[in-house]
Amino acid sequence: VPLTIVINSLRIGLIGVTVEYWGPTMAEGL
């Protein structure tokens, strides 16, 4: 349970960081 929450939060945070630097395509598609 905590493992899932932490890793999923890490994914959301990294998506936010990559969107900030490389654009919204980092949060879409494949």
Full PDB file with SEQRES, HELIX, SHEET, SSBOND, CRYST1, ORIGX, SCALE, CONECT and MASTER records, all heavy atoms in Angstrom:
SEQRES   1 A   30  VAL PRO LEU THR ILE VAL ILE ASN SER LEU ARG ILE GLY          
SEQRES   2 A   30  LEU ILE GLY VAL THR VAL GLU TYR TRP GLY PRO THR MET          
SEQRES   3 A   30  ALA GLU GLY LEU                                              
HELIX    1 AA1 PRO A    2  TRP A   22  1                                  21    
HELIX    2 AA2 PRO A   24  ALA A   27  5                                   4    
CRYST1    1.000    1.000    1.000  90.00  90.00  90.00 P 1           1          
ORIGX1      1.000000  0.000000  0.000000        0.00000                         
ORIGX2      0.000000  1.000000  0.000000        0.00000                         
ORIGX3      0.000000  0.000000  1.000000        0.00000                         
SCALE1      1.000000  0.000000  0.000000        0.00000                         
SCALE2      0.000000  1.000000  0.000000        0.00000                         
SCALE3      0.000000  0.000000  1.000000        0.00000                         
ATOM      1  N   VAL A   1       0.828  -1.214   0.000  1.00  0.00           N  
ATOM      2  CA  VAL A   1       0.000   0.000   0.000  1.00  0.00           C  
ATOM      3  C   VAL A   1       0.864   1.267   0.000  1.00  0.00           C  
ATOM      4  O   VAL A   1       0.746   2.091  -0.919  1.00  0.00           O  
ATOM      5  CB  VAL A   1      -0.983  -0.003   1.190  1.00  0.00           C  
ATOM      6  CG1 VAL A   1      -1.782   1.295   1.216  1.00  0.00           C  
ATOM      7  CG2 VAL A   1      -1.910  -1.209   1.111  1.00  0.00           C  
ATOM      8  N   PRO A   2       1.755   1.468   0.996  1.00  0.00           N  
ATOM      9  CA  PRO A   2       2.597   2.677   0.928  1.00  0.00           C  
ATOM     10  C   PRO A   2       3.522   2.677  -0.282  1.00  0.00           C  
ATOM     11  O   PRO A   2       3.832   3.745  -0.823  1.00  0.00           O  
ATOM     12  CB  PRO A   2       3.388   2.626   2.243  1.00  0.00           C  
ATOM     13  CG  PRO A   2       3.332   1.217   2.695  1.00  0.00           C  
ATOM     14  CD  PRO A   2       2.016   0.694   2.224  1.00  0.00           C  
ATOM     15  N   LEU A   3       3.958   1.505  -0.707  1.00  0.00           N  
ATOM     16  CA  LEU A   3       4.833   1.427  -1.875  1.00  0.00           C  
ATOM     17  C   LEU A   3       4.118   1.963  -3.105  1.00  0.00           C  
ATOM     18  O   LEU A   3       4.681   2.753  -3.887  1.00  0.00           O  
ATOM     19  CB  LEU A   3       5.256  -0.028  -2.092  1.00  0.00           C  
ATOM     20  CG  LEU A   3       6.364  -0.293  -3.115  1.00  0.00           C  
ATOM     21  CD1 LEU A   3       7.645   0.408  -2.703  1.00  0.00           C  
ATOM     22  CD2 LEU A   3       6.598  -1.799  -3.241  1.00  0.00           C  
ATOM     23  N   THR A   4       2.868   1.571  -3.279  1.00  0.00           N  
ATOM     24  CA  THR A   4       2.084   2.050  -4.421  1.00  0.00           C  
ATOM     25  C   THR A   4       1.885   3.555  -4.361  1.00  0.00           C  
ATOM     26  O   THR A   4       2.039   4.262  -5.370  1.00  0.00           O  
ATOM     27  CB  THR A   4       0.712   1.350  -4.452  1.00  0.00           C  
ATOM     28  OG1 THR A   4       0.903  -0.061  -4.572  1.00  0.00           O  
ATOM     29  CG2 THR A   4      -0.121   1.848  -5.605  1.00  0.00           C  
ATOM     30  N   ILE A   5       1.536   4.069  -3.184  1.00  0.00           N  
ATOM     31  CA  ILE A   5       1.270   5.507  -3.046  1.00  0.00           C  
ATOM     32  C   ILE A   5       2.517   6.322  -3.360  1.00  0.00           C  
ATOM     33  O   ILE A   5       2.468   7.319  -4.091  1.00  0.00           O  
ATOM     34  CB  ILE A   5       0.757   5.812  -1.630  1.00  0.00           C  
ATOM     35  CG1 ILE A   5      -0.609   5.152  -1.406  1.00  0.00           C  
ATOM     36  CG2 ILE A   5       0.674   7.319  -1.395  1.00  0.00           C  
ATOM     37  CD1 ILE A   5      -1.131   5.258   0.009  1.00  0.00           C  
ATOM     38  N   VAL A   6       3.651   5.894  -2.828  1.00  0.00           N  
ATOM     39  CA  VAL A   6       4.895   6.637  -3.034  1.00  0.00           C  
ATOM     40  C   VAL A   6       5.305   6.617  -4.510  1.00  0.00           C  
ATOM     41  O   VAL A   6       5.647   7.658  -5.091  1.00  0.00           O  
ATOM     42  CB  VAL A   6       6.018   6.061  -2.146  1.00  0.00           C  
ATOM     43  CG1 VAL A   6       7.366   6.670  -2.529  1.00  0.00           C  
ATOM     44  CG2 VAL A   6       5.715   6.339  -0.678  1.00  0.00           C  
ATOM     45  N   ILE A   7       5.256   5.436  -5.134  1.00  0.00           N  
ATOM     46  CA  ILE A   7       5.688   5.333  -6.532  1.00  0.00           C  
ATOM     47  C   ILE A   7       4.727   6.080  -7.449  1.00  0.00           C  
ATOM     48  O   ILE A   7       5.146   6.738  -8.415  1.00  0.00           O  
ATOM     49  CB  ILE A   7       5.807   3.851  -6.944  1.00  0.00           C  
ATOM     50  CG1 ILE A   7       6.938   3.177  -6.159  1.00  0.00           C  
ATOM     51  CG2 ILE A   7       6.081   3.732  -8.435  1.00  0.00           C  
ATOM     52  CD1 ILE A   7       8.309   3.794  -6.369  1.00  0.00           C  
ATOM     53  N   ASN A   8       3.443   6.006  -7.164  1.00  0.00           N  
ATOM     54  CA  ASN A   8       2.483   6.732  -7.993  1.00  0.00           C  
ATOM     55  C   ASN A   8       2.663   8.242  -7.839  1.00  0.00           C  
ATOM     56  O   ASN A   8       2.565   8.990  -8.822  1.00  0.00           O  
ATOM     57  CB  ASN A   8       1.058   6.341  -7.612  1.00  0.00           C  
ATOM     58  CG  ASN A   8       0.024   6.915  -8.558  1.00  0.00           C  
ATOM     59  OD1 ASN A   8       0.092   6.697  -9.762  1.00  0.00           O  
ATOM     60  ND2 ASN A   8      -0.930   7.650  -8.033  1.00  0.00           N  
ATOM     61  N   SER A   9       2.939   8.691  -6.626  1.00  0.00           N  
ATOM     62  CA  SER A   9       3.200  10.119  -6.405  1.00  0.00           C  
ATOM     63  C   SER A   9       4.476  10.546  -7.124  1.00  0.00           C  
ATOM     64  O   SER A   9       4.549  11.654  -7.685  1.00  0.00           O  
ATOM     65  CB  SER A   9       3.321  10.402  -4.903  1.00  0.00           C  
ATOM     66  OG  SER A   9       2.151  10.011  -4.217  1.00  0.00           O  
ATOM     67  N   LEU A  10       5.477   9.665  -7.111  1.00  0.00           N  
ATOM     68  CA  LEU A  10       6.716   9.948  -7.841  1.00  0.00           C  
ATOM     69  C   LEU A  10       6.445  10.097  -9.327  1.00  0.00           C  
ATOM     70  O   LEU A  10       6.971  10.995  -9.993  1.00  0.00           O  
ATOM     71  CB  LEU A  10       7.718   8.818  -7.592  1.00  0.00           C  
ATOM     72  CG  LEU A  10       9.060   8.898  -8.342  1.00  0.00           C  
ATOM     73  CD1 LEU A  10       9.839  10.127  -7.913  1.00  0.00           C  
ATOM     74  CD2 LEU A  10       9.885   7.635  -8.092  1.00  0.00           C  
ATOM     75  N   ARG A  11       5.579   9.224  -9.856  1.00  0.00           N  
ATOM     76  CA  ARG A  11       5.228   9.317 -11.281  1.00  0.00           C  
ATOM     77  C   ARG A  11       4.551  10.641 -11.587  1.00  0.00           C  
ATOM     78  O   ARG A  11       4.893  11.322 -12.577  1.00  0.00           O  
ATOM     79  CB  ARG A  11       4.301   8.157 -11.645  1.00  0.00           C  
ATOM     80  CG  ARG A  11       3.819   8.188 -13.083  1.00  0.00           C  
ATOM     81  CD  ARG A  11       2.618   7.287 -13.266  1.00  0.00           C  
ATOM     82  NE  ARG A  11       2.140   7.329 -14.638  1.00  0.00           N  
ATOM     83  CZ  ARG A  11       0.938   6.940 -15.022  1.00  0.00           C  
ATOM     84  NH1 ARG A  11       0.082   6.484 -14.126  1.00  0.00           N  
ATOM     85  NH2 ARG A  11       0.565   7.004 -16.283  1.00  0.00           N  
ATOM     86  N   ILE A  12       3.578  11.038 -10.749  1.00  0.00           N  
ATOM     87  CA  ILE A  12       2.868  12.304 -10.984  1.00  0.00           C  
ATOM     88  C   ILE A  12       3.832  13.476 -10.905  1.00  0.00           C  
ATOM     89  O   ILE A  12       3.800  14.399 -11.735  1.00  0.00           O  
ATOM     90  CB  ILE A  12       1.730  12.452  -9.962  1.00  0.00           C  
ATOM     91  CG1 ILE A  12       0.649  11.403 -10.227  1.00  0.00           C  
ATOM     92  CG2 ILE A  12       1.143  13.858  -9.991  1.00  0.00           C  
ATOM     93  CD1 ILE A  12      -0.409  11.323  -9.150  1.00  0.00           C  
ATOM     94  N   GLY A  13       4.723  13.457  -9.905  1.00  0.00           N  
ATOM     95  CA  GLY A  13       5.698  14.536  -9.773  1.00  0.00           C  
ATOM     96  C   GLY A  13       6.630  14.624 -10.963  1.00  0.00           C  
ATOM     97  O   GLY A  13       6.906  15.718 -11.481  1.00  0.00           O  
ATOM     98  N   LEU A  14       7.115  13.473 -11.439  1.00  0.00           N  
ATOM     99  CA  LEU A  14       8.033  13.464 -12.589  1.00  0.00           C  
ATOM    100  C   LEU A  14       7.326  13.914 -13.859  1.00  0.00           C  
ATOM    101  O   LEU A  14       7.936  14.580 -14.713  1.00  0.00           O  
ATOM    102  CB  LEU A  14       8.632  12.074 -12.769  1.00  0.00           C  
ATOM    103  CG  LEU A  14       9.625  11.637 -11.680  1.00  0.00           C  
ATOM    104  CD1 LEU A  14      10.119  10.219 -11.940  1.00  0.00           C  
ATOM    105  CD2 LEU A  14      10.802  12.604 -11.603  1.00  0.00           C  
ATOM    106  N   ILE A  15       6.043  13.561 -14.004  1.00  0.00           N  
ATOM    107  CA  ILE A  15       5.293  14.044 -15.165  1.00  0.00           C  
ATOM    108  C   ILE A  15       5.200  15.560 -15.127  1.00  0.00           C  
ATOM    109  O   ILE A  15       5.388  16.246 -16.152  1.00  0.00           O  
ATOM    110  CB  ILE A  15       3.886  13.408 -15.204  1.00  0.00           C  
ATOM    111  CG1 ILE A  15       3.983  11.936 -15.586  1.00  0.00           C  
ATOM    112  CG2 ILE A  15       2.991  14.157 -16.196  1.00  0.00           C  
ATOM    113  CD1 ILE A  15       2.658  11.207 -15.548  1.00  0.00           C  
ATOM    114  N   GLY A  16       4.938  16.122 -13.928  1.00  0.00           N  
ATOM    115  CA  GLY A  16       4.882  17.568 -13.807  1.00  0.00           C  
ATOM    116  C   GLY A  16       6.202  18.235 -14.158  1.00  0.00           C  
ATOM    117  O   GLY A  16       6.226  19.260 -14.844  1.00  0.00           O  
ATOM    118  N   VAL A  17       7.308  17.636 -13.716  1.00  0.00           N  
ATOM    119  CA  VAL A  17       8.638  18.198 -14.012  1.00  0.00           C  
ATOM    120  C   VAL A  17       8.926  18.137 -15.509  1.00  0.00           C  
ATOM    121  O   VAL A  17       9.393  19.114 -16.115  1.00  0.00           O  
ATOM    122  CB  VAL A  17       9.721  17.446 -13.215  1.00  0.00           C  
ATOM    123  CG1 VAL A  17      11.112  17.891 -13.665  1.00  0.00           C  
ATOM    124  CG2 VAL A  17       9.535  17.697 -11.716  1.00  0.00           C  
ATOM    125  N   THR A  18       8.651  16.989 -16.136  1.00  0.00           N  
ATOM    126  CA  THR A  18       8.942  16.842 -17.573  1.00  0.00           C  
ATOM    127  C   THR A  18       8.036  17.727 -18.417  1.00  0.00           C  
ATOM    128  O   THR A  18       8.465  18.248 -19.459  1.00  0.00           O  
ATOM    129  CB  THR A  18       8.787  15.371 -18.001  1.00  0.00           C  
ATOM    130  OG1 THR A  18       7.474  14.896 -17.622  1.00  0.00           O  
ATOM    131  CG2 THR A  18       9.842  14.501 -17.342  1.00  0.00           C  
ATOM    132  N   VAL A  19       6.777  17.914 -17.989  1.00  0.00           N  
ATOM    133  CA  VAL A  19       5.883  18.815 -18.720  1.00  0.00           C  
ATOM    134  C   VAL A  19       6.408  20.249 -18.649  1.00  0.00           C  
ATOM    135  O   VAL A  19       6.350  20.993 -19.635  1.00  0.00           O  
ATOM    136  CB  VAL A  19       4.449  18.727 -18.142  1.00  0.00           C  
ATOM    137  CG1 VAL A  19       3.598  19.901 -18.621  1.00  0.00           C  
ATOM    138  CG2 VAL A  19       3.790  17.409 -18.545  1.00  0.00           C  
ATOM    139  N   GLU A  20       6.936  20.638 -17.499  1.00  0.00           N  
ATOM    140  CA  GLU A  20       7.460  21.986 -17.341  1.00  0.00           C  
ATOM    141  C   GLU A  20       8.625  22.256 -18.286  1.00  0.00           C  
ATOM    142  O   GLU A  20       8.740  23.349 -18.853  1.00  0.00           O  
ATOM    143  CB  GLU A  20       7.905  22.192 -15.883  1.00  0.00           C  
ATOM    144  CG  GLU A  20       8.575  23.522 -15.596  1.00  0.00           C  
ATOM    145  CD  GLU A  20       7.622  24.704 -15.663  1.00  0.00           C  
ATOM    146  OE1 GLU A  20       6.387  24.482 -15.655  1.00  0.00           O  
ATOM    147  OE2 GLU A  20       8.121  25.835 -15.725  1.00  0.00           O  
ATOM    148  N   TYR A  21       9.478  21.249 -18.503  1.00  0.00           N  
ATOM    149  CA  TYR A  21      10.689  21.465 -19.308  1.00  0.00           C  
ATOM    150  C   TYR A  21      10.525  21.047 -20.773  1.00  0.00           C  
ATOM    151  O   TYR A  21      11.183  21.620 -21.658  1.00  0.00           O  
ATOM    152  CB  TYR A  21      11.865  20.710 -18.700  1.00  0.00           C  
ATOM    153  CG  TYR A  21      12.358  21.320 -17.405  1.00  0.00           C  
ATOM    154  CD1 TYR A  21      12.149  20.685 -16.189  1.00  0.00           C  
ATOM    155  CD2 TYR A  21      13.018  22.551 -17.400  1.00  0.00           C  
ATOM    156  CE1 TYR A  21      12.595  21.249 -14.996  1.00  0.00           C  
ATOM    157  CE2 TYR A  21      13.456  23.123 -16.220  1.00  0.00           C  
ATOM    158  CZ  TYR A  21      13.246  22.474 -15.022  1.00  0.00           C  
ATOM    159  OH  TYR A  21      13.689  23.034 -13.847  1.00  0.00           O  
ATOM    160  N   TRP A  22       9.674  20.057 -21.050  1.00  0.00           N  
ATOM    161  CA  TRP A  22       9.580  19.528 -22.423  1.00  0.00           C  
ATOM    162  C   TRP A  22       8.179  19.572 -23.020  1.00  0.00           C  
ATOM    163  O   TRP A  22       7.951  19.052 -24.092  1.00  0.00           O  
ATOM    164  CB  TRP A  22      10.114  18.091 -22.469  1.00  0.00           C  
ATOM    165  CG  TRP A  22      11.592  18.034 -22.220  1.00  0.00           C  
ATOM    166  CD1 TRP A  22      12.587  18.449 -23.050  1.00  0.00           C  
ATOM    167  CD2 TRP A  22      12.242  17.551 -21.035  1.00  0.00           C  
ATOM    168  NE1 TRP A  22      13.816  18.259 -22.463  1.00  0.00           N  
ATOM    169  CE2 TRP A  22      13.641  17.701 -21.227  1.00  0.00           C  
ATOM    170  CE3 TRP A  22      11.802  17.008 -19.838  1.00  0.00           C  
ATOM    171  CZ2 TRP A  22      14.575  17.322 -20.270  1.00  0.00           C  
ATOM    172  CZ3 TRP A  22      12.721  16.625 -18.876  1.00  0.00           C  
ATOM    173  CH2 TRP A  22      14.083  16.786 -19.106  1.00  0.00           C  
ATOM    174  N   GLY A  23       7.225  20.156 -22.307  1.00  0.00           N  
ATOM    175  CA  GLY A  23       5.921  20.376 -22.891  1.00  0.00           C  
ATOM    176  C   GLY A  23       4.885  19.322 -22.538  1.00  0.00           C  
ATOM    177  O   GLY A  23       5.203  18.264 -21.978  1.00  0.00           O  
ATOM    178  N   PRO A  24       3.622  19.596 -22.876  1.00  0.00           N  
ATOM    179  CA  PRO A  24       2.508  18.725 -22.471  1.00  0.00           C  
ATOM    180  C   PRO A  24       2.510  17.344 -23.105  1.00  0.00           C  
ATOM    181  O   PRO A  24       1.788  16.455 -22.658  1.00  0.00           O  
ATOM    182  CB  PRO A  24       1.271  19.529 -22.908  1.00  0.00           C  
ATOM    183  CG  PRO A  24       1.753  20.483 -23.939  1.00  0.00           C  
ATOM    184  CD  PRO A  24       3.156  20.801 -23.581  1.00  0.00           C  
ATOM    185  N   THR A  25       3.284  17.129 -24.180  1.00  0.00           N  
ATOM    186  CA  THR A  25       3.312  15.797 -24.798  1.00  0.00           C  
ATOM    187  C   THR A  25       3.871  14.743 -23.832  1.00  0.00           C  
ATOM    188  O   THR A  25       3.631  13.550 -24.026  1.00  0.00           O  
ATOM    189  CB  THR A  25       4.182  15.821 -26.069  1.00  0.00           C  
ATOM    190  OG1 THR A  25       5.495  16.312 -25.742  1.00  0.00           O  
ATOM    191  CG2 THR A  25       3.546  16.703 -27.138  1.00  0.00           C  
ATOM    192  N   MET A  26       4.584  15.175 -22.806  1.00  0.00           N  
ATOM    193  CA  MET A  26       5.131  14.232 -21.826  1.00  0.00           C  
ATOM    194  C   MET A  26       4.036  13.609 -20.965  1.00  0.00           C  
ATOM    195  O   MET A  26       4.285  12.622 -20.264  1.00  0.00           O  
ATOM    196  CB  MET A  26       6.155  14.942 -20.921  1.00  0.00           C  
ATOM    197  CG  MET A  26       7.301  15.605 -21.672  1.00  0.00           C  
ATOM    198  SD  MET A  26       8.236  14.439 -22.696  1.00  0.00           S  
ATOM    199  CE  MET A  26       8.933  13.359 -21.452  1.00  0.00           C  
ATOM    200  N   ALA A  27       2.837  14.191 -20.999  1.00  0.00           N  
ATOM    201  CA  ALA A  27       1.728  13.671 -20.182  1.00  0.00           C  
ATOM    202  C   ALA A  27       0.645  13.035 -21.040  1.00  0.00           C  
ATOM    203  O   ALA A  27      -0.476  12.831 -20.583  1.00  0.00           O  
ATOM    204  CB  ALA A  27       1.128  14.796 -19.343  1.00  0.00           C  
ATOM    205  N   GLU A  28       0.967  12.707 -22.279  1.00  0.00           N  
ATOM    206  CA  GLU A  28      -0.046  12.201 -23.196  1.00  0.00           C  
ATOM    207  C   GLU A  28       0.436  10.953 -23.932  1.00  0.00           C  
ATOM    208  O   GLU A  28       1.637  10.691 -24.028  1.00  0.00           O  
ATOM    209  CB  GLU A  28      -0.405  13.287 -24.233  1.00  0.00           C  
ATOM    210  CG  GLU A  28      -0.967  14.567 -23.626  1.00  0.00           C  
ATOM    211  CD  GLU A  28      -1.071  15.692 -24.640  1.00  0.00           C  
ATOM    212  OE1 GLU A  28      -0.527  15.522 -25.753  1.00  0.00           O  
ATOM    213  OE2 GLU A  28      -1.683  16.726 -24.325  1.00  0.00           O  
ATOM    214  N   GLY A  29      -0.521  10.206 -24.433  1.00  0.00           N  
ATOM    215  CA  GLY A  29      -0.267   9.121 -25.370  1.00  0.00           C  
ATOM    216  C   GLY A  29       0.571   7.971 -24.851  1.00  0.00           C  
ATOM    217  O   GLY A  29       0.563   7.622 -23.662  1.00  0.00           O  
ATOM    218  N   LEU A  30       1.350   7.399 -25.762  1.00  0.00           N  
ATOM    219  CA  LEU A  30       2.132   6.201 -25.481  1.00  0.00           C  
ATOM    220  C   LEU A  30       3.175   6.440 -24.401  1.00  0.00           C  
ATOM    221  O   LEU A  30       3.428   5.566 -23.562  1.00  0.00           O  
ATOM    222  CB  LEU A  30       2.814   5.722 -26.779  1.00  0.00           C  
ATOM    223  CG  LEU A  30       3.648   4.436 -26.681  1.00  0.00           C  
ATOM    224  CD1 LEU A  30       2.764   3.265 -26.270  1.00  0.00           C  
ATOM    225  CD2 LEU A  30       4.333   4.143 -28.012  1.00  0.00           C  
TER     226      LEU A  30                                                      
MASTER        0    0    0    2    0    0    0    6  225    1    0    3          
END                                                                             
